[in-house]
Protein backbone atom coordinates (compact mmCIF):
# COMPACT_ATOMS: atom_id res chain seq x y z
CA MET A 1 40.06 222.92 155.10
CA ARG A 2 37.04 220.74 155.89
CA LEU A 3 36.21 222.16 159.31
CA TYR A 4 35.01 225.71 159.87
CA PRO A 5 36.94 227.02 162.90
CA LEU A 6 34.58 228.46 165.48
CA PHE A 7 34.80 229.65 169.10
CA ALA A 8 31.46 229.28 170.87
CA ASP A 9 30.25 231.42 173.77
CA LEU A 10 28.38 228.89 175.89
CA THR A 11 27.91 231.11 178.95
CA GLY A 12 24.66 230.07 180.62
CA LEU A 13 23.61 227.83 177.74
CA PRO A 14 22.47 224.22 178.35
CA VAL A 15 24.83 221.56 176.99
CA LEU A 16 24.13 217.84 177.27
CA VAL A 17 26.79 215.22 177.95
CA VAL A 18 25.63 211.62 177.53
CA GLY A 19 27.78 209.30 179.62
CA GLY A 20 28.88 209.27 183.23
CA GLY A 21 32.42 207.89 183.06
CA HIS A 22 35.90 209.36 183.22
CA VAL A 23 35.80 210.56 179.60
CA ALA A 24 32.62 212.47 180.39
CA GLU A 25 34.40 213.97 183.42
CA ARG A 26 37.06 215.54 181.22
CA LYS A 27 34.50 216.98 178.82
CA ILE A 28 32.35 218.34 181.65
CA ASP A 29 35.33 220.03 183.32
CA MET A 30 36.02 221.95 180.10
CA LEU A 31 32.36 222.88 179.64
CA LEU A 32 32.05 224.16 183.20
CA ALA A 33 35.20 226.23 182.73
CA SER A 34 33.57 227.85 179.68
CA GLY A 35 30.47 228.80 181.70
CA ALA A 36 28.03 226.30 180.17
CA SER A 37 25.04 224.95 182.06
CA VAL A 38 25.83 221.24 181.98
CA LEU A 39 23.31 218.42 181.87
CA VAL A 40 24.70 214.90 182.24
CA GLY A 41 22.65 211.87 181.27
CA ALA A 42 23.69 208.39 182.40
CA PRO A 43 22.43 205.52 184.56
CA SER A 44 25.32 206.12 187.01
CA LEU A 45 28.07 208.66 187.58
CA THR A 46 31.68 208.55 188.70
CA PRO A 47 32.19 209.77 192.28
CA ALA A 48 33.55 213.09 190.98
CA LEU A 49 30.49 213.67 188.74
CA ALA A 50 28.15 212.55 191.50
CA GLN A 51 29.72 215.17 193.77
CA LEU A 52 29.22 217.85 191.10
CA ALA A 53 25.55 216.84 190.86
CA GLU A 54 25.12 216.99 194.65
CA GLN A 55 26.68 220.46 194.66
CA GLY A 56 24.27 221.60 191.95
CA LYS A 57 27.04 222.31 189.46
CA VAL A 58 25.57 219.85 186.94
CA GLU A 59 22.07 218.45 186.48
CA HIS A 60 21.80 214.66 186.32
CA TYR A 61 19.36 212.84 184.05
CA ALA A 62 19.38 209.33 185.50
CA GLY A 63 18.71 206.44 183.14
CA THR A 64 19.25 205.55 179.49
CA PHE A 65 19.28 208.17 176.76
CA GLN A 66 15.95 209.75 175.79
CA PRO A 67 15.58 212.12 172.82
CA THR A 68 13.65 214.50 175.09
CA TRP A 69 16.97 215.15 176.89
CA LEU A 70 17.85 217.22 173.84
CA ASP A 71 15.03 219.70 174.42
CA HIS A 72 16.43 223.23 174.57
CA VAL A 73 20.15 222.22 174.53
CA TRP A 74 22.60 223.97 172.22
CA LEU A 75 25.29 221.28 171.99
CA VAL A 76 25.57 217.61 172.85
CA ILE A 77 28.57 215.40 173.53
CA ALA A 78 28.24 211.61 173.42
CA ALA A 79 30.87 210.13 175.74
CA THR A 80 29.79 206.52 176.25
CA ASP A 81 31.64 203.33 175.28
CA ASP A 82 28.59 202.08 173.33
CA ARG A 83 28.94 203.05 169.64
CA ALA A 84 25.32 202.20 168.85
CA LEU A 85 24.13 204.47 171.65
CA ASN A 86 26.52 207.21 170.53
CA ALA A 87 25.14 206.90 166.99
CA GLN A 88 21.59 207.20 168.33
CA VAL A 89 22.51 210.39 170.22
CA ALA A 90 24.19 211.87 167.14
CA ALA A 91 21.20 211.01 164.90
CA SER A 92 18.68 212.49 167.34
CA ALA A 93 20.78 215.67 167.59
CA SER A 94 21.02 215.93 163.80
CA GLU A 95 17.22 215.69 163.48
CA ARG A 96 16.92 218.69 165.81
CA ARG A 97 19.75 220.63 164.09
CA ILE A 98 21.91 220.45 167.22
CA PHE A 99 25.65 220.11 166.83
CA ALA A 100 26.94 216.84 168.31
CA ASN A 101 30.38 215.50 169.11
CA VAL A 102 30.98 211.80 169.59
CA VAL A 103 34.22 211.26 171.48
CA ASP A 104 36.87 209.53 169.34
CA ASP A 105 34.43 209.02 166.45
CA PRO A 106 34.77 211.80 163.86
CA ALA A 107 32.45 210.03 161.41
CA LEU A 108 29.53 210.55 163.79
CA SER A 109 30.52 214.08 164.87
CA ARG A 110 29.31 217.43 163.58
CA PHE A 111 31.98 219.33 165.53
CA GLN A 112 35.33 218.48 167.01
CA VAL A 113 36.70 219.50 170.40
CA PRO A 114 40.22 220.80 169.73
CA ALA A 115 43.39 220.59 171.77
CA VAL A 116 43.59 223.92 173.58
CA VAL A 117 46.37 226.24 174.72
CA ASP A 118 44.70 228.32 177.42
CA ARG A 119 46.01 231.83 177.95
CA ALA A 120 42.60 233.26 178.76
CA PRO A 121 41.22 235.41 177.33
CA LEU A 122 43.62 234.31 174.58
CA THR A 123 42.82 230.80 173.40
CA VAL A 124 44.62 228.77 170.77
CA ALA A 125 42.81 225.71 169.41
CA VAL A 126 44.41 222.92 167.38
CA SER A 127 42.42 220.32 165.47
CA THR A 128 43.09 217.58 162.95
CA GLY A 129 39.37 217.08 162.33
CA GLY A 130 39.51 213.94 164.43
CA ALA A 131 42.00 212.34 162.05
CA ALA A 132 44.97 212.21 164.43
CA PRO A 133 44.33 213.62 167.93
CA VAL A 134 47.85 212.67 169.05
CA ILE A 135 49.34 215.00 166.42
CA ALA A 136 47.09 217.81 167.65
CA ARG A 137 48.30 217.12 171.18
CA ARG A 138 51.94 217.28 170.09
CA VAL A 139 51.35 220.60 168.32
CA ARG A 140 49.63 221.91 171.44
CA GLU A 141 52.62 220.84 173.55
CA ALA A 142 54.97 222.73 171.23
CA LEU A 143 52.80 225.85 171.47
CA GLU A 144 52.72 225.59 175.26
CA THR A 145 56.49 226.06 175.31
CA GLN A 146 56.34 229.08 173.01
CA LEU A 147 53.37 231.02 174.38
CA GLU A 148 54.15 232.38 177.81
CA HIS A 149 51.46 232.70 180.45
CA ALA A 150 51.78 236.49 180.60
CA LEU A 151 49.97 236.60 177.24
CA GLY A 152 46.70 236.07 179.11
CA PRO A 153 46.98 239.18 181.32
CA LEU A 154 48.37 241.14 178.34
CA THR A 155 45.33 240.26 176.24
CA ALA A 156 43.01 241.18 179.10
CA LEU A 157 44.76 244.51 179.53
CA ALA A 158 44.52 245.27 175.81
CA GLN A 159 40.84 244.34 175.91
CA LYS A 160 40.21 246.65 178.87
CA HIS A 161 41.73 249.64 177.06
CA ARG A 162 40.76 248.71 173.49
CA ALA A 163 38.44 251.67 172.95
CA ARG A 164 41.07 254.16 174.12
CA ILE A 165 43.76 252.50 172.01
CA MET A 166 41.59 252.76 168.89
CA GLN A 167 40.81 256.41 169.68
CA ARG A 168 44.47 257.24 170.36
CA TRP A 169 45.72 255.56 167.17
CA PRO A 170 42.96 255.63 164.53
CA ASP A 171 45.55 254.84 161.84
CA LEU A 172 45.76 251.05 161.51
CA ALA A 173 49.52 250.96 160.91
CA GLU A 174 50.20 253.09 163.99
CA ARG A 175 47.85 250.96 166.06
CA ARG A 176 49.60 247.80 164.96
CA ALA A 177 52.93 249.34 165.94
CA PHE A 178 51.50 250.10 169.39
CA TYR A 179 50.35 246.51 169.84
CA ASP A 180 53.83 245.34 168.84
CA TRP A 181 55.25 247.65 171.52
CA LEU A 182 52.72 246.31 173.99
CA HIS A 183 53.92 242.76 173.38
CA ASP A 184 57.64 243.42 173.04
CA GLY A 185 58.18 246.26 175.49
CA PRO A 186 57.98 247.02 179.21
CA VAL A 187 54.26 246.21 179.63
CA MET A 188 54.78 242.56 178.78
CA ALA A 189 57.95 242.43 180.88
CA LEU A 190 56.09 243.79 183.92
CA LEU A 191 53.25 241.29 183.49
CA ARG A 192 55.81 238.50 183.15
CA ASN A 193 57.23 239.62 186.47
CA ALA A 194 53.83 239.58 188.23
CA ARG A 195 53.49 243.39 188.39
CA PRO A 196 50.08 244.05 186.78
CA ASP A 197 49.54 247.50 188.33
CA ASP A 198 52.88 248.76 187.04
CA ALA A 199 52.11 247.26 183.62
CA GLU A 200 48.80 249.09 183.39
CA ARG A 201 50.46 252.31 184.54
CA GLU A 202 53.03 251.95 181.73
CA LEU A 203 50.26 251.40 179.19
CA LEU A 204 48.34 254.45 180.40
CA GLU A 205 51.46 256.61 180.20
CA ALA A 206 51.85 255.57 176.57
CA LEU A 207 48.18 256.38 175.90
CA ASN A 208 48.51 259.81 177.49
CA ALA A 209 51.82 260.73 175.86
CA THR A 210 51.44 263.70 173.53
CA ALA A 211 54.34 262.69 171.30
CA SER A 212 56.05 259.42 170.55
CA ALA A 213 58.97 259.02 172.93
CA ALA A 214 62.15 257.14 172.15
CA PRO A 215 61.64 253.42 172.75
CA LYS A 216 62.88 252.09 176.07
CA GLY A 217 65.50 249.38 176.06
CA SER A 218 65.60 246.56 178.58
CA VAL A 219 67.95 243.83 179.79
CA GLN A 220 67.34 240.24 180.74
CA LEU A 221 70.10 238.53 182.72
CA VAL A 222 69.66 234.98 181.48
CA GLY A 223 71.24 231.78 182.74
CA ALA A 224 72.30 229.58 179.83
CA GLY A 225 72.88 226.53 182.01
CA PRO A 226 76.05 224.42 181.88
CA GLY A 227 76.07 223.73 178.13
CA ASP A 228 73.48 221.11 177.23
CA PRO A 229 70.79 223.10 175.33
CA GLY A 230 68.17 220.71 176.70
CA LEU A 231 68.70 222.25 180.15
CA LEU A 232 67.75 225.74 178.98
CA THR A 233 64.56 226.91 180.70
CA LEU A 234 61.47 227.85 178.69
CA ARG A 235 61.77 231.42 179.91
CA ALA A 236 65.38 231.59 178.77
CA LEU A 237 64.41 230.22 175.35
CA ARG A 238 61.72 232.86 174.98
CA ALA A 239 64.19 235.57 175.95
CA LEU A 240 66.62 234.38 173.26
CA ASN A 241 63.86 234.45 170.67
CA GLN A 242 62.89 238.02 171.54
CA ALA A 243 66.36 239.56 171.88
CA ASP A 244 67.71 242.24 169.57
CA VAL A 245 71.26 241.77 170.88
CA ILE A 246 72.91 239.05 172.97
CA LEU A 247 75.99 239.70 175.11
CA HIS A 248 77.26 236.22 175.89
CA ASP A 249 80.04 234.61 177.89
CA SER A 250 82.67 232.51 176.14
CA LEU A 251 81.46 229.37 177.92
CA VAL A 252 77.96 229.60 176.46
CA SER A 253 77.75 226.66 174.08
CA VAL A 254 77.28 227.02 170.34
CA ASP A 255 74.18 224.85 170.57
CA VAL A 256 72.56 227.23 173.05
CA LEU A 257 73.37 230.27 170.89
CA ALA A 258 71.86 228.46 167.90
CA LEU A 259 68.48 228.62 169.63
CA ALA A 260 68.48 232.42 169.58
CA ARG A 261 66.61 234.60 167.15
CA ARG A 262 68.45 234.39 163.83
CA ASP A 263 68.82 238.14 163.27
CA ALA A 264 69.89 238.98 166.83
CA GLU A 265 73.32 240.57 167.10
CA ARG A 266 75.75 238.42 169.10
CA ILE A 267 78.59 240.03 171.06
CA ASP A 268 81.17 237.84 172.81
CA VAL A 269 82.09 239.43 176.15
CA GLY A 270 83.80 236.39 177.63
CA LYS A 271 86.53 236.42 180.24
CA ARG A 272 89.27 233.98 179.30
CA CYS A 273 92.05 232.99 181.63
CA GLY A 274 95.30 233.94 179.87
CA GLY A 275 93.47 235.14 176.75
CA ARG A 276 91.27 238.00 175.55
CA HIS A 277 89.48 239.45 178.55
CA THR A 278 86.46 241.75 178.56
CA GLN A 279 86.55 244.00 181.59
CA GLN A 280 83.37 244.18 183.65
CA GLU A 281 83.24 247.95 183.11
CA GLN A 282 83.20 247.38 179.35
CA ILE A 283 80.24 245.01 179.73
CA HIS A 284 78.39 247.59 181.79
CA GLN A 285 78.97 250.22 179.10
CA LEU A 286 77.77 247.89 176.37
CA LEU A 287 74.57 247.21 178.31
CA LEU A 288 74.01 250.95 178.71
CA ASP A 289 74.77 251.77 175.07
CA GLN A 290 72.50 249.06 173.68
CA THR A 291 69.53 249.92 175.89
CA GLN A 292 69.86 253.62 175.05
CA LEU A 293 69.24 252.56 171.44
CA GLY A 294 65.94 251.04 172.58
CA ARG A 295 67.12 247.47 172.10
CA ARG A 296 66.06 244.36 173.99
CA VAL A 297 69.29 242.97 175.40
CA VAL A 298 69.94 239.48 176.70
CA ARG A 299 73.01 239.18 178.90
CA LEU A 300 73.59 235.45 178.50
CA LYS A 301 75.68 233.81 181.19
CA GLY A 302 76.85 230.24 181.61
CA GLY A 303 75.08 228.46 184.45
CA ASP A 304 73.08 230.85 186.62
CA PRO A 305 73.59 234.66 186.58
CA PHE A 306 73.66 234.86 190.37
CA VAL A 307 76.07 232.00 191.08
CA PHE A 308 79.65 233.25 190.51
CA GLY A 309 78.40 235.06 187.41
CA ARG A 310 78.61 238.74 188.45
CA GLY A 311 74.90 239.01 187.76
CA GLY A 312 74.46 240.93 191.00
CA GLU A 313 76.94 243.60 189.88
CA GLU A 314 75.25 244.00 186.52
CA MET A 315 71.80 244.18 188.11
CA GLU A 316 72.98 246.95 190.45
CA PHE A 317 74.48 248.90 187.54
CA LEU A 318 71.28 248.63 185.50
CA ARG A 319 69.12 249.72 188.42
CA GLN A 320 71.36 252.71 189.07
CA HIS A 321 70.84 253.82 185.47
CA GLY A 322 67.08 253.26 185.46
CA ILE A 323 67.20 250.38 183.00
CA ALA A 324 64.48 247.73 183.23
CA CYS A 325 66.10 244.47 184.30
CA GLU A 326 64.69 240.96 184.49
CA ILE A 327 66.41 237.89 185.92
CA VAL A 328 65.99 234.49 184.27
CA PRO A 329 67.66 231.82 186.45
CA GLY A 330 69.62 228.99 184.89
CA VAL A 331 70.72 225.53 185.98
CA THR A 332 74.01 226.14 187.76
CA ALA A 333 77.05 223.98 187.02
CA ALA A 334 77.22 222.36 190.46
CA VAL A 335 73.71 220.94 190.13
CA ALA A 336 74.01 219.95 186.47
CA CYS A 337 77.55 218.53 186.43
CA ALA A 338 76.95 216.52 189.58
CA ALA A 339 73.74 215.08 188.14
CA TYR A 340 75.39 214.20 184.81
CA ALA A 341 78.13 212.39 186.74
CA GLY A 342 75.57 210.45 188.80
CA ILE A 343 76.33 212.34 192.04
CA PRO A 344 73.64 213.61 194.42
CA LEU A 345 74.97 216.75 196.08
CA THR A 346 73.10 215.86 199.26
CA HIS A 347 72.29 212.41 200.61
CA ARG A 348 70.73 211.35 203.90
CA GLU A 349 73.57 208.92 204.61
CA HIS A 350 76.54 210.84 203.20
CA ALA A 351 76.03 214.62 203.02
CA ARG A 352 73.93 216.92 205.16
CA SER A 353 74.90 220.12 203.37
CA VAL A 354 76.52 221.46 200.21
CA HIS A 355 78.90 224.41 199.83
CA LEU A 356 79.29 226.29 196.55
CA LEU A 357 82.83 227.70 196.35
CA THR A 358 85.02 229.40 193.76
CA GLY A 359 88.74 228.92 193.23
CA HIS A 360 89.01 232.10 191.17
CA GLY A 361 91.57 234.42 192.75
CA LYS A 362 93.91 233.91 195.67
CA GLU A 363 91.81 236.17 197.89
CA SER A 364 88.87 233.78 197.63
CA LEU A 365 90.96 230.98 199.13
CA GLU A 366 92.20 233.18 201.96
CA ALA A 367 88.65 234.10 202.93
CA MET A 368 87.40 230.51 203.28
CA ASP A 369 86.64 228.88 206.62
CA TRP A 370 88.91 225.87 206.14
CA PRO A 371 88.22 224.17 209.52
CA ALA A 372 84.50 224.17 208.70
CA LEU A 373 85.05 222.99 205.11
CA ALA A 374 87.27 220.12 206.29
CA GLN A 375 84.45 218.47 208.24
CA ASP A 376 83.01 215.16 207.06
CA HIS A 377 79.52 214.53 205.65
CA GLN A 378 79.26 217.64 203.53
CA THR A 379 79.80 218.28 199.84
CA LEU A 380 82.10 220.91 198.40
CA ALA A 381 81.29 222.00 194.84
CA ILE A 382 84.16 224.16 193.57
CA TYR A 383 83.88 226.34 190.47
CA MET A 384 86.93 227.57 188.54
CA GLY A 385 89.27 225.53 190.72
CA VAL A 386 91.45 223.69 188.19
CA ALA A 387 94.37 226.10 188.58
CA ARG A 388 94.33 225.73 192.39
CA LEU A 389 93.77 222.02 192.93
CA GLU A 390 97.00 221.64 194.88
CA GLU A 391 96.11 224.50 197.23
CA PHE A 392 92.60 223.16 197.84
CA THR A 393 93.95 219.70 198.57
CA GLN A 394 96.70 220.90 200.88
CA ARG A 395 94.46 223.19 202.94
CA LEU A 396 91.71 220.61 203.37
CA LEU A 397 94.21 217.96 204.48
CA GLU A 398 95.93 220.40 206.83
CA HIS A 399 92.63 221.15 208.53
CA GLY A 400 91.63 217.54 209.03
CA ARG A 401 89.76 216.35 205.95
CA ARG A 402 90.43 212.63 205.56
CA PRO A 403 92.98 211.78 202.82
CA ASP A 404 90.70 209.09 201.40
CA THR A 405 87.73 211.47 201.01
CA PRO A 406 86.39 210.86 197.48
CA PHE A 407 86.58 213.55 194.81
CA VAL A 408 85.31 213.86 191.25
CA ILE A 409 86.23 216.39 188.58
CA VAL A 410 83.67 216.87 185.82
CA GLU A 411 85.25 218.43 182.73
CA ASN A 412 82.92 219.87 180.06
CA GLY A 413 79.96 218.76 182.12
CA THR A 414 76.67 217.96 180.31
CA LEU A 415 78.37 218.16 176.89
CA PRO A 416 79.10 215.18 174.61
CA GLN A 417 82.82 215.52 175.40
CA GLN A 418 82.24 215.30 179.16
CA ARG A 419 85.04 213.59 181.14
CA VAL A 420 84.78 212.43 184.72
CA LEU A 421 87.89 211.82 186.82
CA GLY A 422 87.66 210.50 190.36
CA GLY A 423 89.78 209.22 193.20
CA ALA A 424 90.84 210.04 196.76
CA LEU A 425 91.56 213.57 197.95
CA HIS A 426 95.26 213.01 198.64
CA GLU A 427 95.87 212.06 194.99
CA LEU A 428 93.75 214.82 193.43
CA PRO A 429 96.54 217.09 192.03
CA THR A 430 98.53 214.14 190.66
CA LEU A 431 95.56 212.51 188.90
CA ALA A 432 94.36 215.80 187.44
CA LYS A 433 97.81 216.44 185.97
CA GLU A 434 98.15 212.89 184.64
CA HIS A 435 94.83 213.11 182.83
CA ALA A 436 95.33 216.71 181.62
CA ILE A 437 92.19 218.18 183.15
CA HIS A 438 91.40 221.62 181.73
CA PRO A 439 88.67 224.23 182.33
CA PRO A 440 85.76 224.33 182.27
CA ALA A 441 85.63 221.78 185.05
CA LEU A 442 83.77 221.44 188.33
CA LEU A 443 85.41 219.83 191.36
CA ILE A 444 83.24 217.88 193.81
CA ILE A 445 84.72 216.76 197.14
CA GLY A 446 82.84 214.68 199.67
CA GLU A 447 81.48 211.26 200.47
CA VAL A 448 78.81 211.51 197.75
CA ALA A 449 81.49 211.64 195.05
CA ALA A 450 82.08 207.90 195.50
CA LEU A 451 78.55 207.25 194.18
CA ALA A 452 79.69 208.24 190.70
CA ARG A 453 81.47 204.89 190.43
CA ASP A 454 78.18 202.99 190.25
CA HIS A 455 75.76 205.63 189.01
CA ALA A 456 77.49 207.32 186.06
CA TRP A 457 74.95 207.39 183.22
CA PHE A 458 75.92 210.12 180.74
CA GLY A 459 78.44 209.75 177.93
CA ILE A 460 80.22 206.75 176.46
CA GLN A 461 81.32 204.83 179.51
CA ASN A 462 83.57 202.35 177.67
CA ASP A 463 85.59 205.01 175.84
CA ALA A 464 89.00 205.42 177.52
CA HIS A 465 88.84 209.21 177.07
CA ARG A 466 85.57 209.45 178.96
CA THR A 467 85.69 206.48 181.30
CA LEU A 468 85.07 207.23 184.95
CA LYS A 469 88.39 206.84 186.73
CA LEU A 470 87.79 206.23 190.43
CA GLY A 471 90.98 204.59 191.65
CA ASP A 472 90.77 201.87 194.29
CA SER A 473 90.27 204.25 197.21
CA THR A 474 87.20 203.67 199.35
CA HIS A 475 85.61 205.53 202.21
CA ASP A 476 83.74 203.72 204.97
């Protein structure tokens, strides 16, 4: 390690930036955010820096660099495009024992400005000593995905009550256990959900407790998306990495489960048509049992928990039993499968609205407003409809939907084995049978489905198994 890592408190201290261009702008923004009193020396300034000077937020030394500019400053940053001038600034600073940084020139620098992950008051700095700033940036980007923004308020809350925490748990091991609870338990969850007052109340209850209570379990209802692990949200990924146990649907892809914490227990609670079927009541009981053990539970659902996923029922059950519950939305199949087939669900010329429907259960078909659904210039996105394609087709045609209305079925959407089958509405059941379409598959009916012919982009388009099959039907 050649550099000594150091975090400097520059509040109210004068710092000189030599240079008035866009690079200087970036450095000055960071210095102002840290509370420094910024002096900027340059013959001219960018409009943004000139405005800061007019507002009194920075002091401008107009002209070429003078060593007297260094009087009383604590740090200096040389941010000009003149290496000789930058070297002069660095040499003058060295003579006065002032740390200097020359932008993009580590040989002339006494300190480096790191790439920063800002979760104030928590700050993570990454540096390569000026050797490869791009690598530092890539590391910072990776950390940004892992460190959630609630860490900032959590750190501030711990700082606020630090003295009481140390008094309450003088034993270091016990205090460390409390900080683990603070990060992993309900306080962090409440901060994540923008409830700072409740989070502080939870912390104070723990501080005032006379005896250690049994740990509280919690549940996160997490949307796993349609299958492609790249569509998992950052919040969902963090939930998977913090879970003690994962109750997952059968349609959650292996690749998504592979992203979970390695030692998390995985329980398959999938509902399979014609196969093993986990009753909803059994899932509710599992959620209750696991949380009563103080475990962090992720209920992982394909797509989005609140779109045909019974997430609402599970949320109600958890609330009724006083179990902390957090919702992490996922990319629902209608949005993802349509996009991966090159179909916009809405379009100014072709579709003014979109309807999300389910073909699961005969009662769902009976309850639909077929005259309204049969109207032109709207998109129907139908989940779990493979077993009822003939009924959907017949009812739409009976109520006036045009026979040549385009349709597309996306089987295994977003996955490498995705298949897309298209044609005209009147031939939907026949084509689906000919090409052996099986669940999971999403059915899209409407004028926008015809756009898949020209805009399909995902998968191997010249493979007969995956080729888009859009008949010769057209719709004017």
